[in-house]
N, C-alpha and C. Protein backbone atom coordinates (compact mmCIF):
# COMPACT_ATOMS: atom_id res chain seq x y z
N MET A 1 -22.04 -42.78 -1.39
CA MET A 1 -22.85 -41.41 -0.98
C MET A 1 -21.70 -41.59 0.24
N SER A 2 -21.98 -40.66 0.81
CA SER A 2 -20.44 -39.97 1.90
C SER A 2 -21.91 -39.70 3.36
N THR A 3 -22.11 -39.57 4.27
CA THR A 3 -22.08 -38.74 5.69
C THR A 3 -22.20 -38.39 5.28
N VAL A 4 -22.75 -36.63 6.07
CA VAL A 4 -22.47 -35.34 6.93
C VAL A 4 -22.34 -35.31 8.32
N THR A 5 -20.88 -35.12 8.55
CA THR A 5 -21.07 -35.40 9.80
C THR A 5 -20.50 -34.00 10.78
N ARG A 6 -20.61 -33.74 11.54
CA ARG A 6 -20.70 -33.01 12.30
C ARG A 6 -19.89 -31.92 12.27
N ALA A 7 -18.41 -31.95 12.05
CA ALA A 7 -17.11 -31.42 12.24
C ALA A 7 -17.80 -30.71 10.53
N TYR A 8 -17.80 -31.22 9.77
CA TYR A 8 -18.21 -30.69 8.68
C TYR A 8 -18.39 -30.20 8.59
N LEU A 9 -19.68 -29.83 9.57
CA LEU A 9 -21.16 -28.97 9.18
C LEU A 9 -20.58 -28.11 10.11
N ASP A 10 -19.84 -28.07 11.23
CA ASP A 10 -19.19 -27.03 11.51
C ASP A 10 -18.28 -26.23 11.44
N GLU A 11 -17.30 -27.05 9.89
CA GLU A 11 -17.17 -26.30 9.75
C GLU A 11 -17.64 -25.38 8.65
N ARG A 12 -18.20 -25.70 7.62
CA ARG A 12 -19.09 -25.12 6.81
C ARG A 12 -19.75 -23.84 7.45
N LEU A 13 -20.20 -24.08 8.80
CA LEU A 13 -21.42 -23.28 9.02
C LEU A 13 -19.67 -21.56 9.48
N ALA A 14 -18.74 -21.60 10.02
CA ALA A 14 -18.01 -21.28 10.39
C ALA A 14 -17.37 -20.57 8.71
N ALA A 15 -17.74 -20.98 8.06
CA ALA A 15 -16.58 -20.07 6.59
C ALA A 15 -18.53 -19.83 6.16
N PHE A 16 -18.88 -19.88 6.26
CA PHE A 16 -20.78 -19.09 5.90
C PHE A 16 -20.53 -17.46 7.08
N LYS A 17 -20.27 -17.74 7.91
CA LYS A 17 -20.00 -16.78 8.96
C LYS A 17 -18.59 -15.62 8.45
N CYS A 18 -18.16 -16.66 8.05
CA CYS A 18 -16.71 -15.56 7.84
C CYS A 18 -17.04 -14.93 6.10
N CYS A 19 -17.84 -15.52 5.95
CA CYS A 19 -17.73 -15.04 4.68
C CYS A 19 -19.54 -13.71 4.70
N SER A 20 -19.88 -14.03 5.33
CA SER A 20 -21.09 -13.06 6.23
C SER A 20 -20.65 -11.95 6.14
N LYS A 21 -19.35 -12.06 7.58
CA LYS A 21 -19.05 -10.85 7.88
C LYS A 21 -18.25 -10.06 6.73
N GLU A 22 -17.32 -10.83 6.33
CA GLU A 22 -16.85 -10.11 5.35
C GLU A 22 -17.25 -8.95 4.77
N ALA A 23 -18.55 -9.70 4.13
CA ALA A 23 -19.74 -9.33 3.15
C ALA A 23 -20.27 -7.62 3.32
N ALA A 24 -20.32 -8.10 4.69
CA ALA A 24 -21.54 -6.88 5.26
C ALA A 24 -19.98 -6.14 5.64
N MET A 25 -18.93 -5.76 5.91
CA MET A 25 -18.50 -5.35 6.26
C MET A 25 -17.03 -4.28 4.90
N ALA A 26 -17.29 -5.42 3.55
CA ALA A 26 -16.84 -4.60 2.25
C ALA A 26 -18.55 -3.53 1.92
N GLY A 27 -19.60 -3.69 1.83
CA GLY A 27 -21.14 -3.29 2.25
C GLY A 27 -20.81 -1.95 3.01
N ALA A 28 -20.73 -2.32 3.88
CA ALA A 28 -19.92 -0.88 5.19
C ALA A 28 -19.57 0.28 4.54
N LYS A 29 -18.47 -0.40 4.29
CA LYS A 29 -17.33 0.68 2.80
C LYS A 29 -18.18 1.11 1.60
N ALA A 30 -18.50 0.20 1.24
CA ALA A 30 -19.32 1.08 -0.22
C ALA A 30 -20.11 1.96 0.42
N ALA A 31 -20.82 1.84 1.35
CA ALA A 31 -21.92 2.11 1.45
C ALA A 31 -21.48 3.73 2.48
N ALA A 32 -20.05 3.80 3.08
CA ALA A 32 -19.43 5.15 3.27
C ALA A 32 -19.23 5.74 2.65
N VAL A 33 -18.74 5.33 1.55
CA VAL A 33 -18.04 6.16 0.09
C VAL A 33 -19.31 6.57 -0.73
N ALA A 34 -20.46 5.92 -0.86
CA ALA A 34 -21.03 6.42 -1.56
C ALA A 34 -22.30 7.33 -0.56
N THR A 35 -22.50 7.44 0.08
CA THR A 35 -22.66 8.18 0.47
C THR A 35 -22.47 10.08 0.51
N ILE A 36 -20.75 9.68 0.86
CA ILE A 36 -20.18 10.80 0.80
C ILE A 36 -20.01 11.51 -1.01
N ALA A 37 -19.92 10.78 -1.44
CA ALA A 37 -19.94 11.10 -3.33
C ALA A 37 -21.52 11.07 -3.36
N ALA A 38 -22.60 10.26 -2.73
CA ALA A 38 -23.75 11.30 -3.07
C ALA A 38 -24.16 12.69 -2.06
N THR A 39 -23.68 12.86 -1.11
CA THR A 39 -23.50 13.57 -0.56
C THR A 39 -23.09 15.32 -1.05
N VAL A 40 -21.76 15.08 -2.19
CA VAL A 40 -21.64 16.76 -1.89
C VAL A 40 -22.32 16.33 -3.10
N PRO A 41 -22.62 16.48 -4.09
CA PRO A 41 -23.33 17.02 -5.69
C PRO A 41 -25.00 16.89 -5.15
N THR A 42 -25.83 16.78 -4.39
CA THR A 42 -26.53 16.63 -3.39
C THR A 42 -26.69 18.23 -3.11
N LEU A 43 -26.35 17.80 -2.56
CA LEU A 43 -26.12 19.53 -1.46
C LEU A 43 -25.51 21.04 -2.35
N ALA A 44 -24.88 20.17 -2.79
CA ALA A 44 -24.27 21.49 -3.40
C ALA A 44 -25.56 21.73 -4.76
N SER A 45 -25.87 20.96 -5.89
CA SER A 45 -27.18 21.18 -6.37
C SER A 45 -28.06 21.71 -6.34
N VAL A 46 -28.66 21.58 -4.59
CA VAL A 46 -29.75 22.66 -4.03
C VAL A 46 -29.41 23.93 -3.96
N ARG A 47 -28.26 23.76 -3.65
CA ARG A 47 -27.89 25.06 -3.02
C ARG A 47 -27.43 26.73 -4.85
N MET A 48 -27.25 25.95 -5.30
CA MET A 48 -26.77 26.41 -6.45
C MET A 48 -28.10 26.67 -8.28
N LEU A 49 -28.16 25.79 -7.89
CA LEU A 49 -29.54 25.60 -8.66
C LEU A 49 -31.18 26.18 -7.80
N PRO A 50 -31.74 26.83 -9.14
CA PRO A 50 -33.14 27.73 -7.98
C PRO A 50 -34.25 26.64 -8.16
N TRP A 51 -34.42 25.36 -9.54
CA TRP A 51 -35.61 25.09 -9.25
C TRP A 51 -35.45 23.92 -8.15
N GLU A 52 -34.13 23.29 -8.10
CA GLU A 52 -34.20 22.31 -7.29
C GLU A 52 -34.20 23.06 -5.90
N SER A 53 -33.92 23.96 -5.26
CA SER A 53 -34.22 24.25 -3.78
C SER A 53 -35.47 24.96 -3.71
N ALA A 54 -36.11 25.06 -5.40
CA ALA A 54 -37.13 25.44 -4.34
C ALA A 54 -38.26 23.70 -4.79
N HIS A 55 -37.68 22.51 -4.48
CA HIS A 55 -38.85 21.41 -5.08
C HIS A 55 -38.16 20.65 -3.60
N LEU A 56 -36.48 20.78 -3.58
CA LEU A 56 -36.34 19.83 -2.89
C LEU A 56 -35.76 19.85 -1.49
N ASN A 57 -37.01 19.72 -0.30
CA ASN A 57 -36.80 19.74 0.76
C ASN A 57 -35.74 18.51 0.85
N PRO A 58 -35.67 19.25 2.43
CA PRO A 58 -34.28 18.46 3.13
C PRO A 58 -34.96 16.67 3.25
N THR A 59 -35.84 16.43 3.62
CA THR A 59 -36.36 15.07 3.68
C THR A 59 -36.33 14.20 2.00
N GLY A 60 -36.60 14.74 1.41
CA GLY A 60 -36.26 14.38 -0.39
C GLY A 60 -34.00 14.68 -0.36
N GLN A 61 -33.85 15.73 0.06
CA GLN A 61 -32.63 15.60 0.33
C GLN A 61 -31.84 13.81 0.89
N ALA A 62 -32.16 13.22 1.86
CA ALA A 62 -31.71 12.97 2.61
C ALA A 62 -32.08 11.10 2.20
N LEU A 63 -33.47 11.14 1.74
CA LEU A 63 -33.59 10.31 0.58
C LEU A 63 -33.29 9.37 -1.04
N ILE A 64 -32.66 10.55 -1.44
CA ILE A 64 -31.36 10.85 -2.79
C ILE A 64 -29.94 9.94 -1.92
N ILE A 65 -29.95 10.59 -0.72
CA ILE A 65 -28.67 10.15 -0.26
C ILE A 65 -28.63 8.89 0.39
N SER A 66 -30.07 8.57 0.83
CA SER A 66 -29.83 7.61 1.52
C SER A 66 -30.09 6.21 0.77
N THR A 67 -30.82 6.38 -0.57
CA THR A 67 -31.01 5.36 -1.86
C THR A 67 -29.58 4.94 -1.91
N VAL A 68 -28.80 6.27 -1.99
CA VAL A 68 -27.64 5.22 -3.06
C VAL A 68 -26.59 4.48 -2.22
N ALA A 69 -27.04 5.27 -0.65
CA ALA A 69 -25.83 4.24 0.16
C ALA A 69 -26.35 2.76 0.16
N GLY A 70 -28.28 2.91 0.70
CA GLY A 70 -28.39 1.32 0.63
C GLY A 70 -28.03 0.61 -0.99
N MET A 71 -27.98 1.10 -1.48
CA MET A 71 -27.80 -0.06 -2.47
C MET A 71 -26.67 -0.18 -3.05
N ALA A 72 -25.56 0.95 -2.61
CA ALA A 72 -23.64 0.27 -2.31
C ALA A 72 -24.03 -0.68 -1.35
N TYR A 73 -24.52 -1.01 -0.73
CA TYR A 73 -24.05 -1.55 0.12
C TYR A 73 -24.77 -2.99 -0.08
N PHE A 74 -26.00 -3.10 -0.79
CA PHE A 74 -26.64 -3.83 -1.37
C PHE A 74 -25.58 -5.11 -2.40
N ILE A 75 -25.48 -4.21 -3.33
CA ILE A 75 -24.78 -4.13 -4.38
C ILE A 75 -23.60 -5.04 -4.19
N ILE A 76 -22.34 -4.33 -3.04
CA ILE A 76 -21.44 -4.66 -2.92
C ILE A 76 -21.71 -6.04 -2.01
N ALA A 77 -22.70 -6.32 -0.85
CA ALA A 77 -21.99 -7.19 -0.17
C ALA A 77 -22.53 -8.30 -0.76
N ASP A 78 -23.25 -8.53 -2.63
CA ASP A 78 -23.87 -9.26 -2.10
C ASP A 78 -22.91 -10.05 -3.65
N LYS A 79 -22.37 -9.09 -5.06
CA LYS A 79 -21.29 -9.70 -5.59
C LYS A 79 -19.81 -10.31 -4.78
N THR A 80 -19.49 -9.74 -2.90
CA THR A 80 -18.96 -10.25 -2.33
C THR A 80 -19.04 -11.82 -1.54
N ILE A 81 -20.08 -11.96 -1.46
CA ILE A 81 -20.82 -13.27 -0.98
C ILE A 81 -20.53 -14.10 -2.62
N LEU A 82 -21.09 -13.76 -3.49
CA LEU A 82 -21.18 -14.85 -5.16
C LEU A 82 -19.84 -14.99 -5.22
N LEU A 83 -18.29 -13.60 -5.03
CA LEU A 83 -16.79 -14.03 -4.43
C LEU A 83 -17.17 -15.21 -4.08
N MET A 84 -17.08 -15.35 -2.40
CA MET A 84 -16.25 -16.46 -2.05
C MET A 84 -16.80 -17.88 -2.45
N ALA A 85 -18.35 -17.20 -2.29
CA ALA A 85 -19.32 -18.69 -3.03
C ALA A 85 -18.44 -19.67 -3.49
N ARG A 86 -17.98 -18.36 -5.08
CA ARG A 86 -17.46 -18.81 -6.10
C ARG A 86 -15.24 -19.35 -5.47
N LYS A 87 -15.34 -19.37 -5.15
CA LYS A 87 -13.90 -19.46 -4.39
C LYS A 87 -14.15 -20.74 -3.65
N HIS A 88 -15.18 -20.82 -2.99
CA HIS A 88 -15.08 -21.83 -2.05
C HIS A 88 -15.11 -23.47 -2.82
N SER A 89 -15.73 -22.99 -3.47
CA SER A 89 -16.96 -24.12 -4.06
C SER A 89 -16.05 -24.81 -5.28
N PHE A 90 -14.80 -23.36 -5.47
CA PHE A 90 -13.61 -24.12 -6.79
C PHE A 90 -12.91 -25.21 -6.01
N GLU A 91 -12.35 -24.44 -4.59
CA GLU A 91 -11.56 -24.76 -4.01
C GLU A 91 -11.91 -26.52 -3.02
N ASP A 92 -13.51 -26.98 -2.93
CA ASP A 92 -13.64 -28.18 -2.88
C ASP A 92 -13.76 -28.33 -4.36
N ALA A 93 -13.97 -28.17 -5.03
CA ALA A 93 -14.32 -29.50 -5.71
C ALA A 93 -13.19 -30.45 -6.18
N PRO A 94 -13.84 -31.30 -7.14
CA PRO A 94 -12.62 -32.49 -6.85
C PRO A 94 -11.68 -32.00 -8.18
N ASP A 95 -10.21 -33.14 -8.40
CA ASP A 95 -8.96 -32.36 -8.58
C ASP A 95 -9.64 -32.46 -10.04
N HIS A 96 -9.91 -33.31 -10.37
CA HIS A 96 -10.36 -33.53 -12.37
C HIS A 96 -10.90 -31.98 -12.63
N LEU A 97 -11.80 -31.17 -12.50
CA LEU A 97 -12.38 -30.20 -12.48
C LEU A 97 -12.01 -28.66 -12.04
N LYS A 98 -10.71 -29.26 -10.98
CA LYS A 98 -10.57 -28.24 -10.54
C LYS A 98 -9.11 -27.72 -12.17
N ASN A 99 -8.12 -28.69 -12.64
CA ASN A 99 -8.09 -28.67 -13.86
C ASN A 99 -8.12 -27.54 -14.84
N THR A 100 -8.66 -26.17 -15.45
CA THR A 100 -9.55 -25.89 -16.42
C THR A 100 -7.84 -25.60 -17.73
N SER A 101 -6.86 -26.64 -17.67
CA SER A 101 -6.57 -25.92 -18.79
C SER A 101 -6.57 -26.89 -19.93
N PHE A 102 -6.76 -26.24 -21.30
CA PHE A 102 -6.73 -27.38 -22.56
C PHE A 102 -6.18 -28.09 -22.65
N HIS A 103 -7.04 -29.38 -23.20
CA HIS A 103 -5.00 -30.52 -23.26
C HIS A 103 -5.41 -31.01 -25.06
């Protein structure tokens, strides 16, 4: 059994902060792209299609666009956190588990 030192905890906390910051940045980039990708067809369809212009007010349009942006943010941030956790767990694994080649 090993004891957990203060230095180990500080190292892990720094890694968690870096991981969460990277995930937030990736999520923000994805949300920006998704906002543009959702805005163009939403606004174009409201201008061109009679049913949508009659039934979809500006609040509905904003709801569609913000929902797409929010979903993109959380999905990409979650995937980034999982990717970083997988990478860090592989780096911290014992040597006999790192060798994944078939003998």
